[in-house]
Amino acid sequence: MASHVFGRGPAPLPVAARGEGCYIFDDAGRAYLDGSGGAAVSCLGHSDPDVRAAMHAQLDRIAFAHTGFFTSEPAEELAALLCAHAPEGIGKVYLLSGGSEAVEAAIKLARQYFLETGQPDRHRLIARRQSYHGNTLGALAAGGNAWRREKYAPLLVETHHIAPCFEYHFRGDDESAFDYGQRVANELDAEIERLGPETVMAFIAEPVVGATAGAVPAVEGYFRRIREICDRHGVLLILDEVMCGMGRTGTLFACEQDGIAPDIVTIAKGLGAGYAPIGAMLCSDTIHAAIASGSGSFQHGHTYHGHPLAAAAGRAVLGAILDRGLLDQVQTRGQTLSAALDARFGQHPPVGDIRGRGLFRGLELVEDRTTKQSFDPARRLHAKIKAAAMDEGLICYPAGGTVDGRNGDHVLLAPPFIISEDEIGMLVDRLARAVDTALAA
């Protein structure tokens, strides 16, 4: 029977019938180890009883109340819990339905903040190449993913992009890691000066770059320098933690490991853990106060933002992460995964780099380890790895265009926080077979 679902591509997909722990089972009963949490989403696995119970209980009370008329208990509780654990200065939470919505809200809030504070000329946004911030037009414009932007380029608003902090490919042989980070951070300073500081409203970046480049962390000192530059020019710092946040890298907010606090931060994926579509934009008390004492209203909104059922799911997920010691477990399991990847792929000629933090890891494949030359994009190596991994019963997240939007192949791994050491071994074994199969094709 032909499907009437408008899918992501023409190929038929297996039907997900049920989930249990770190596994998804199709309608034929075959099990797939979820080595990437879908897209770094399913941090608690697929059958958490506490999250399910919280959603059932909320559904029995009320599923929806429009935020133009009401707030709700789960939304208030979730916002309070997030702020209690947020970076310094963050005091307000705007609940949405996903990461792209959160980034759109962040960009619009930045603009309105400067209108409210009498700086209407500040409208320019700076981001980084090889970043990804979402698929709605504003978020897509902010992102530096060349492939995703290409078809929609005429529709995208003006955004300016500087170099990524991508040590593996772009640090010079004569540079220390620290010096490299300072050099590329200073590109922000130069770009602000070029555009005119009085016209720049914000800089947006992922603390650990996810889908576009494959779990690329910044080098030590990079984000501290970025924070200094933003402060000196009065530019807001927006950190996009949609993929790398909510414990994925071993701390609740990824930026904790860089020793900075943003003005605005976006979260999603792991906040709902796949149990409900939810995201959030968090901002500083300073930004909120400017709106509250000015026009009094953020001119933005969605029908489903602050949805009580989604908020109940997010509250239960966040509670599980904090109360079960899962942040510590991400760190220890992350070390186990890193060691297993190093043991299996560290001397594998086509694997040029193994990187990441916590349970957010990436492998980059190269044709030549010495020169770091990528494979010919026409081989579509990443797509072959994904297919071979599915044949092995493994869900992973490969992508192409790692280096510049066209060249490069990587595999992103982001398994559930509950993954066992035995399952990590299974993940690495299955991935190794999938990589070898794809290389031989």
Protein backbone atom coordinates (compact mmCIF):
# COMPACT_ATOMS: atom_id res chain seq x y z
CA MET A 1 0.00 0.00 0.00
CA ALA A 2 1.38 3.39 -1.02
CA SER A 3 2.12 5.81 1.79
CA HIS A 4 0.49 9.23 1.84
CA VAL A 5 3.10 10.58 4.24
CA PHE A 6 5.34 13.27 2.70
CA GLY A 7 8.63 11.82 3.90
CA ARG A 8 12.16 13.15 3.93
CA GLY A 9 13.08 11.21 0.81
CA PRO A 10 11.71 8.76 -1.77
CA ALA A 11 13.01 5.56 -0.15
CA PRO A 12 10.57 3.58 1.99
CA LEU A 13 11.41 3.45 5.70
CA PRO A 14 10.85 0.75 8.31
CA VAL A 15 7.87 1.35 10.58
CA ALA A 16 8.80 2.10 14.19
CA ALA A 17 6.41 -0.02 16.24
CA ARG A 18 7.69 0.33 19.81
CA GLY A 19 10.64 1.42 21.91
CA GLU A 20 12.32 -0.07 24.93
CA GLY A 21 15.38 1.42 26.61
CA CYS A 22 18.06 2.10 24.03
CA TYR A 23 16.23 0.22 21.26
CA ILE A 24 13.58 0.89 18.64
CA PHE A 25 11.72 -2.11 17.23
CA ASP A 26 10.15 -2.08 13.77
CA ASP A 27 6.86 -3.75 12.88
CA ALA A 28 8.71 -6.89 11.86
CA GLY A 29 10.17 -7.17 15.35
CA ARG A 30 13.73 -6.20 14.43
CA ALA A 31 15.66 -4.24 17.07
CA TYR A 32 17.81 -1.19 16.30
CA LEU A 33 20.27 0.15 18.88
CA ASP A 34 19.70 3.90 18.97
CA GLY A 35 23.28 5.12 18.84
CA SER A 36 22.37 8.70 18.02
CA GLY A 37 19.18 9.26 19.98
CA GLY A 38 17.55 9.96 16.61
CA ALA A 39 19.15 13.39 16.25
CA ALA A 40 20.52 13.66 19.81
CA VAL A 41 16.96 13.63 21.13
CA SER A 42 16.22 10.43 23.06
CA CYS A 43 18.45 11.04 26.07
CA LEU A 44 16.34 8.84 28.40
CA GLY A 45 15.70 6.06 25.93
CA HIS A 46 12.31 5.11 24.60
CA SER A 47 10.16 3.91 27.50
CA ASP A 48 10.86 5.96 30.59
CA PRO A 49 8.04 5.18 33.07
CA ASP A 50 8.29 8.45 35.01
CA VAL A 51 7.97 10.62 31.90
CA ARG A 52 5.08 8.57 30.61
CA ALA A 53 3.31 8.80 33.97
CA ALA A 54 3.78 12.56 34.14
CA MET A 55 2.29 12.98 30.68
CA HIS A 56 -0.65 10.71 31.48
CA ALA A 57 -1.36 12.63 34.67
CA GLN A 58 -1.23 15.99 32.89
CA LEU A 59 -3.46 14.73 30.10
CA ASP A 60 -6.04 13.79 32.71
CA ARG A 61 -5.99 17.39 34.02
CA ILE A 62 -5.62 19.62 30.95
CA ALA A 63 -3.71 19.21 27.69
CA PHE A 64 -3.89 22.75 26.28
CA ALA A 65 -4.50 26.29 27.43
CA HIS A 66 -3.50 29.19 25.20
CA THR A 67 -0.74 31.34 26.66
CA GLY A 68 -2.62 34.48 25.67
CA PHE A 69 -5.06 33.62 28.44
CA PHE A 70 -3.38 31.28 30.93
CA THR A 71 -0.14 30.00 32.30
CA SER A 72 0.02 26.43 33.61
CA GLU A 73 1.52 24.61 36.55
CA PRO A 74 3.91 22.43 34.51
CA ALA A 75 5.15 25.45 32.52
CA GLU A 76 5.83 27.39 35.73
CA GLU A 77 7.58 24.43 37.34
CA LEU A 78 9.74 23.71 34.30
CA ALA A 79 10.76 27.35 33.91
CA ALA A 80 11.68 27.61 37.58
CA LEU A 81 13.75 24.42 37.47
CA LEU A 82 15.58 25.52 34.33
CA CYS A 83 16.43 28.92 35.80
CA ALA A 84 17.62 27.32 39.03
CA HIS A 85 20.27 25.45 37.03
CA ALA A 86 20.88 27.93 34.22
CA PRO A 87 24.05 29.97 33.61
CA GLU A 88 24.51 33.10 35.70
CA GLY A 89 22.10 35.91 34.89
CA ILE A 90 19.54 33.79 33.05
CA GLY A 91 16.18 34.35 34.68
CA LYS A 92 13.34 33.87 32.19
CA VAL A 93 12.17 30.99 30.00
CA TYR A 94 10.06 31.16 26.85
CA LEU A 95 8.72 27.67 26.13
CA LEU A 96 8.28 26.64 22.49
CA SER A 97 7.76 23.52 20.40
CA GLY A 98 11.27 22.88 19.09
CA GLY A 99 14.75 24.15 18.35
CA SER A 100 14.04 26.18 15.23
CA GLU A 101 11.28 28.04 17.04
CA ALA A 102 13.63 28.71 19.94
CA VAL A 103 16.27 30.21 17.63
CA GLU A 104 13.68 32.33 15.81
CA ALA A 105 12.52 33.65 19.18
CA ALA A 106 16.10 34.40 20.24
CA ILE A 107 16.83 36.40 17.09
CA LYS A 108 13.60 38.39 17.36
CA LEU A 109 14.12 39.03 21.06
CA ALA A 110 17.60 40.38 20.37
CA ARG A 111 16.16 42.83 17.85
CA GLN A 112 13.34 43.94 20.14
CA TYR A 113 15.74 44.40 23.05
CA PHE A 114 17.69 47.01 21.12
CA LEU A 115 14.51 48.75 20.00
CA GLU A 116 13.37 48.90 23.64
CA THR A 117 16.74 50.31 24.75
CA GLY A 118 16.87 53.05 22.11
CA GLN A 119 19.36 51.43 19.73
CA PRO A 120 17.26 50.87 16.58
CA ASP A 121 20.27 50.69 14.27
CA ARG A 122 21.36 47.38 15.83
CA HIS A 123 19.89 44.74 13.53
CA ARG A 124 22.80 42.71 12.17
CA LEU A 125 23.42 39.11 13.21
CA ILE A 126 26.80 37.38 13.01
CA ALA A 127 27.19 33.60 13.05
CA ARG A 128 29.79 31.04 12.00
CA ARG A 129 30.29 29.01 8.87
CA GLN A 130 29.64 25.27 9.31
CA SER A 131 27.00 25.88 11.95
CA TYR A 132 23.37 24.83 12.08
CA HIS A 133 20.63 26.72 13.88
CA GLY A 134 17.38 25.34 12.47
CA ASN A 135 15.26 25.05 9.35
CA THR A 136 12.83 27.98 9.57
CA LEU A 137 13.95 30.87 7.41
CA GLY A 138 15.39 33.06 10.16
CA ALA A 139 17.21 30.17 11.81
CA LEU A 140 18.39 28.89 8.43
CA ALA A 141 19.77 32.32 7.58
CA ALA A 142 21.68 32.33 10.85
CA GLY A 143 23.14 28.90 10.18
CA GLY A 144 26.23 28.35 8.11
CA ASN A 145 25.27 24.96 6.66
CA ALA A 146 25.85 25.61 2.97
CA TRP A 147 23.90 22.60 1.71
CA ARG A 148 20.79 23.35 3.74
CA ARG A 149 20.88 27.05 2.76
CA GLU A 150 21.48 26.60 -0.97
CA LYS A 151 17.92 26.16 -2.29
CA TYR A 152 16.49 28.93 -0.13
CA ALA A 153 19.26 31.51 -0.43
CA PRO A 154 17.06 34.16 -2.13
CA LEU A 155 14.64 33.99 0.82
CA LEU A 156 17.19 34.36 3.61
CA VAL A 157 17.68 37.58 5.55
CA GLU A 158 21.11 39.17 5.76
CA THR A 159 23.44 37.36 8.15
CA HIS A 160 27.21 37.60 8.37
CA HIS A 161 29.44 34.59 8.94
CA ILE A 162 32.93 34.21 10.34
CA ALA A 163 35.20 31.16 10.55
CA PRO A 164 34.28 28.24 12.79
CA CYS A 165 36.50 27.10 15.64
CA PHE A 166 37.42 23.79 13.99
CA GLU A 167 40.85 22.85 15.25
CA TYR A 168 41.28 19.61 13.31
CA HIS A 169 41.12 21.32 9.93
CA PHE A 170 42.11 24.92 10.47
CA ARG A 171 44.69 25.23 13.23
CA GLY A 172 48.07 26.08 11.76
CA ASP A 173 51.06 23.82 12.39
CA ASP A 174 52.83 26.71 14.08
CA GLU A 175 49.91 27.58 16.38
CA SER A 176 49.04 26.30 19.83
CA ALA A 177 45.41 25.34 20.32
CA PHE A 178 44.92 28.41 22.51
CA ASP A 179 46.49 30.78 20.00
CA TYR A 180 44.37 29.31 17.22
CA GLY A 181 41.22 29.87 19.28
CA GLN A 182 42.15 33.49 19.97
CA ARG A 183 42.84 34.08 16.29
CA VAL A 184 39.48 32.81 15.08
CA ALA A 185 37.62 34.46 17.96
CA ASN A 186 39.18 37.76 16.96
CA GLU A 187 37.48 37.40 13.58
CA LEU A 188 34.32 38.38 15.44
CA ASP A 189 35.96 41.57 16.64
CA ALA A 190 37.10 42.39 13.12
CA GLU A 191 33.66 41.68 11.63
CA ILE A 192 31.89 43.85 14.20
CA GLU A 193 34.30 46.69 13.44
CA ARG A 194 33.80 46.20 9.68
CA LEU A 195 30.03 46.31 9.96
CA GLY A 196 29.99 49.08 12.56
CA PRO A 197 29.44 48.13 16.21
CA GLU A 198 26.37 50.35 16.38
CA THR A 199 24.65 48.10 13.79
CA VAL A 200 25.38 44.65 15.27
CA MET A 201 22.83 43.13 17.65
CA ALA A 202 24.05 39.57 18.30
CA PHE A 203 26.48 36.75 17.70
CA ILE A 204 25.11 33.19 17.68
CA ALA A 205 27.11 29.96 18.01
CA GLU A 206 26.85 26.35 19.10
CA PRO A 207 29.20 25.58 22.03
CA VAL A 208 29.75 22.15 20.48
CA VAL A 209 28.85 22.08 16.79
CA GLY A 210 26.47 19.21 16.11
CA ALA A 211 24.97 17.95 12.87
CA THR A 212 26.89 20.11 10.40
CA ALA A 213 30.44 19.29 11.50
CA GLY A 214 30.10 16.32 13.88
CA ALA A 215 30.58 17.13 17.59
CA VAL A 216 33.23 19.83 17.23
CA PRO A 217 34.06 21.52 20.57
CA ALA A 218 35.78 24.87 20.76
CA VAL A 219 39.35 25.01 22.01
CA GLU A 220 40.14 26.28 25.50
CA GLY A 221 39.72 30.04 25.82
CA TYR A 222 37.80 30.58 22.58
CA PHE A 223 34.41 31.34 24.10
CA ARG A 224 35.88 33.45 26.90
CA ARG A 225 37.39 35.66 24.21
CA ILE A 226 34.07 35.71 22.34
CA ARG A 227 32.32 36.82 25.53
CA GLU A 228 34.87 39.62 26.01
CA ILE A 229 34.36 40.85 22.45
CA CYS A 230 30.57 40.84 22.75
CA ASP A 231 30.75 42.73 26.04
CA ARG A 232 33.13 45.35 24.67
CA HIS A 233 30.84 46.11 21.73
CA GLY A 234 27.51 45.76 23.54
CA VAL A 235 26.58 42.79 21.35
CA LEU A 236 24.35 40.03 22.72
CA LEU A 237 25.76 36.50 22.86
CA ILE A 238 23.26 33.82 21.84
CA LEU A 239 24.34 30.23 22.45
CA ASP A 240 22.48 27.53 20.55
CA GLU A 241 22.41 24.44 22.75
CA VAL A 242 19.50 22.77 20.97
CA MET A 243 21.61 19.70 20.23
CA CYS A 244 24.52 19.89 22.67
CA GLY A 245 22.63 21.05 25.76
CA MET A 246 20.51 19.40 28.47
CA GLY A 247 23.30 17.15 29.72
CA ARG A 248 24.47 15.81 26.36
CA THR A 249 28.08 16.91 26.92
CA GLY A 250 28.15 16.08 30.64
CA THR A 251 26.87 19.34 32.13
CA LEU A 252 23.28 20.53 31.94
CA PHE A 253 24.29 23.49 29.78
CA ALA A 254 27.23 22.87 27.47
CA CYS A 255 28.60 26.39 28.00
CA GLU A 256 29.37 25.55 31.63
CA GLN A 257 32.48 23.77 30.36
CA ASP A 258 33.63 26.92 28.57
CA GLY A 259 33.33 29.06 31.68
CA ILE A 260 30.92 31.62 30.27
CA ALA A 261 27.28 32.65 30.46
CA PRO A 262 25.28 33.83 27.44
CA ASP A 263 22.66 36.56 27.23
CA ILE A 264 20.28 34.17 25.48
CA VAL A 265 20.45 30.38 25.20
CA THR A 266 18.27 27.99 23.19
CA ILE A 267 17.50 24.39 24.11
CA ALA A 268 15.24 21.65 22.73
CA LYS A 269 15.93 18.02 21.71
CA GLY A 270 17.08 16.57 25.05
CA LEU A 271 14.61 18.74 26.97
CA GLY A 272 11.72 16.63 25.71
CA ALA A 273 13.79 13.48 25.13
CA GLY A 274 11.45 12.60 22.28
CA TYR A 275 8.40 12.26 24.52
CA ALA A 276 6.92 15.60 23.45
CA PRO A 277 7.90 18.35 21.00
CA ILE A 278 9.33 21.10 23.19
CA GLY A 279 12.07 23.71 23.09
CA ALA A 280 12.89 26.84 25.02
CA MET A 281 14.55 30.21 24.69
CA LEU A 282 16.09 31.41 27.95
CA CYS A 283 17.20 35.00 28.43
CA SER A 284 18.83 37.21 31.02
CA ASP A 285 16.86 39.20 33.55
CA THR A 286 18.38 42.32 31.97
CA ILE A 287 16.82 41.60 28.58
CA HIS A 288 13.47 40.71 30.07
CA ALA A 289 13.45 43.84 32.24
CA ALA A 290 14.01 46.03 29.17
CA ILE A 291 10.89 44.58 27.54
CA ALA A 292 8.83 44.61 30.74
CA SER A 293 9.64 48.25 31.53
CA GLY A 294 9.32 49.31 27.90
CA SER A 295 6.54 48.17 25.60
CA GLY A 296 5.60 45.46 28.11
CA SER A 297 5.24 42.69 25.57
CA PHE A 298 7.50 40.50 23.44
CA GLN A 299 5.96 40.78 19.98
CA HIS A 300 6.17 37.10 19.17
CA GLY A 301 4.19 33.93 19.83
CA HIS A 302 2.97 30.54 18.64
CA THR A 303 -0.31 28.75 19.22
CA TYR A 304 1.36 25.81 20.93
CA HIS A 305 4.11 27.56 22.84
CA GLY A 306 4.03 26.81 26.55
CA HIS A 307 1.91 23.73 25.87
CA PRO A 308 1.03 22.17 29.27
CA LEU A 309 1.39 18.56 28.15
CA ALA A 310 4.78 19.23 26.56
CA ALA A 311 5.88 21.19 29.63
CA ALA A 312 4.90 18.27 31.87
CA ALA A 313 7.07 16.00 29.75
CA GLY A 314 9.98 18.45 29.87
CA ARG A 315 9.63 18.82 33.64
CA ALA A 316 9.77 15.05 34.07
CA VAL A 317 12.75 14.69 31.71
CA LEU A 318 14.71 17.45 33.45
CA GLY A 319 13.88 15.96 36.82
CA ALA A 320 15.16 12.57 35.69
CA ILE A 321 18.43 14.06 34.42
CA LEU A 322 19.04 15.94 37.67
CA ASP A 323 17.70 13.46 40.22
CA ARG A 324 19.13 10.21 38.85
CA GLY A 325 22.74 11.33 38.62
CA LEU A 326 22.64 11.19 34.84
CA LEU A 327 25.02 14.11 34.35
CA ASP A 328 27.75 12.13 36.11
CA GLN A 329 26.76 9.07 34.12
CA VAL A 330 27.09 10.97 30.84
CA GLN A 331 30.64 11.87 31.84
CA THR A 332 31.64 8.31 32.79
CA ARG A 333 29.83 6.66 29.87
CA GLY A 334 31.26 9.33 27.61
CA GLN A 335 34.76 8.34 28.67
CA THR A 336 33.89 4.69 28.01
CA LEU A 337 32.56 5.53 24.56
CA SER A 338 35.59 7.68 23.76
CA ALA A 339 37.98 4.92 24.82
CA ALA A 340 36.08 2.32 22.79
CA LEU A 341 36.13 4.53 19.70
CA ASP A 342 39.84 5.21 20.13
CA ALA A 343 40.57 1.48 20.52
CA ARG A 344 38.59 0.51 17.43
CA PHE A 345 39.16 3.48 15.13
CA GLY A 346 42.27 5.24 16.46
CA GLN A 347 44.56 3.45 14.01
CA HIS A 348 41.92 2.92 11.31
CA PRO A 349 43.38 4.70 8.24
CA PRO A 350 40.11 6.27 7.00
CA VAL A 351 39.27 7.79 10.41
CA GLY A 352 41.02 11.13 10.70
CA ASP A 353 39.55 12.51 13.89
CA ILE A 354 37.57 11.31 16.91
CA ARG A 355 36.14 14.19 18.93
CA GLY A 356 33.42 15.47 21.20
CA ARG A 357 32.39 15.69 24.83
CA GLY A 358 30.31 13.43 27.06
CA LEU A 359 27.90 11.29 25.06
CA PHE A 360 28.25 13.58 22.05
CA ARG A 361 30.95 12.15 19.81
CA GLY A 362 31.96 12.42 16.18
CA LEU A 363 34.19 10.49 13.81
CA GLU A 364 35.46 12.18 10.66
CA LEU A 365 36.46 10.01 7.72
CA VAL A 366 39.27 11.05 5.42
CA GLU A 367 40.94 9.55 2.38
CA ASP A 368 44.39 10.54 3.60
CA ARG A 369 45.13 10.98 7.31
CA THR A 370 48.36 12.86 6.67
CA THR A 371 46.87 15.56 4.46
CA LYS A 372 43.33 15.28 5.96
CA GLN A 373 42.01 15.03 2.41
CA SER A 374 38.29 14.23 2.36
CA PHE A 375 36.72 11.51 0.27
CA ASP A 376 35.18 12.51 -3.05
CA PRO A 377 31.69 13.82 -2.19
CA ALA A 378 30.33 11.87 -5.17
CA ARG A 379 30.94 8.66 -3.20
CA ARG A 380 28.31 9.75 -0.65
CA LEU A 381 30.20 7.80 1.97
CA HIS A 382 28.07 9.15 4.82
CA ALA A 383 24.88 7.89 3.19
CA LYS A 384 26.41 4.46 2.66
CA ILE A 385 27.46 4.30 6.31
CA LYS A 386 23.94 5.15 7.44
CA ALA A 387 22.44 2.41 5.27
CA ALA A 388 25.02 -0.16 6.32
CA ALA A 389 24.50 0.74 9.98
CA MET A 390 20.75 0.21 9.68
CA ASP A 391 21.48 -3.20 8.15
CA GLU A 392 23.59 -3.90 11.24
CA GLY A 393 20.76 -2.86 13.54
CA LEU A 394 22.36 0.47 14.51
CA ILE A 395 20.95 3.98 14.30
CA CYS A 396 23.70 6.59 13.89
CA TYR A 397 23.76 10.08 12.38
CA PRO A 398 26.21 10.44 9.45
CA ALA A 399 26.37 13.58 7.33
CA GLY A 400 28.39 15.09 4.51
CA GLY A 401 29.88 18.51 3.82
CA THR A 402 31.74 18.43 7.13
CA VAL A 403 34.59 20.74 6.13
CA ASP A 404 33.05 23.39 3.93
CA GLY A 405 29.50 22.38 3.04
CA ARG A 406 30.61 20.11 0.21
CA ASN A 407 33.65 18.09 1.28
CA GLY A 408 33.92 15.80 4.24
CA ASP A 409 32.05 12.90 5.87
CA HIS A 410 31.40 12.32 9.55
CA VAL A 411 29.34 10.15 11.86
CA LEU A 412 27.66 11.72 14.88
CA LEU A 413 26.94 9.57 17.94
CA ALA A 414 24.60 10.66 20.73
CA PRO A 415 23.22 7.58 22.49
CA PRO A 416 20.77 7.70 25.42
CA PHE A 417 22.25 8.63 28.77
CA ILE A 418 21.12 5.23 30.07
CA ILE A 419 23.29 3.25 27.65
CA SER A 420 25.24 0.44 29.32
CA GLU A 421 28.90 -0.38 28.84
CA ASP A 422 27.92 -3.58 27.02
CA GLU A 423 25.71 -1.57 24.68
CA ILE A 424 28.57 0.84 24.03
CA GLY A 425 30.65 -2.13 22.94
CA MET A 426 27.83 -3.28 20.69
CA LEU A 427 27.48 0.22 19.22
CA VAL A 428 31.16 0.44 18.33
CA ASP A 429 31.25 -3.09 16.89
CA ARG A 430 28.25 -2.44 14.66
CA LEU A 431 29.58 0.95 13.57
CA ALA A 432 32.96 -0.57 12.67
CA ARG A 433 31.30 -3.15 10.44
CA ALA A 434 29.13 -0.47 8.84
CA VAL A 435 32.11 1.77 8.09
CA ASP A 436 34.04 -1.13 6.55
CA THR A 437 31.04 -2.14 4.44
CA ALA A 438 30.55 1.43 3.19
CA LEU A 439 34.24 1.85 2.35
CA ALA A 440 34.19 -1.37 0.37
CA ALA A 441 31.11 -0.37 -1.64
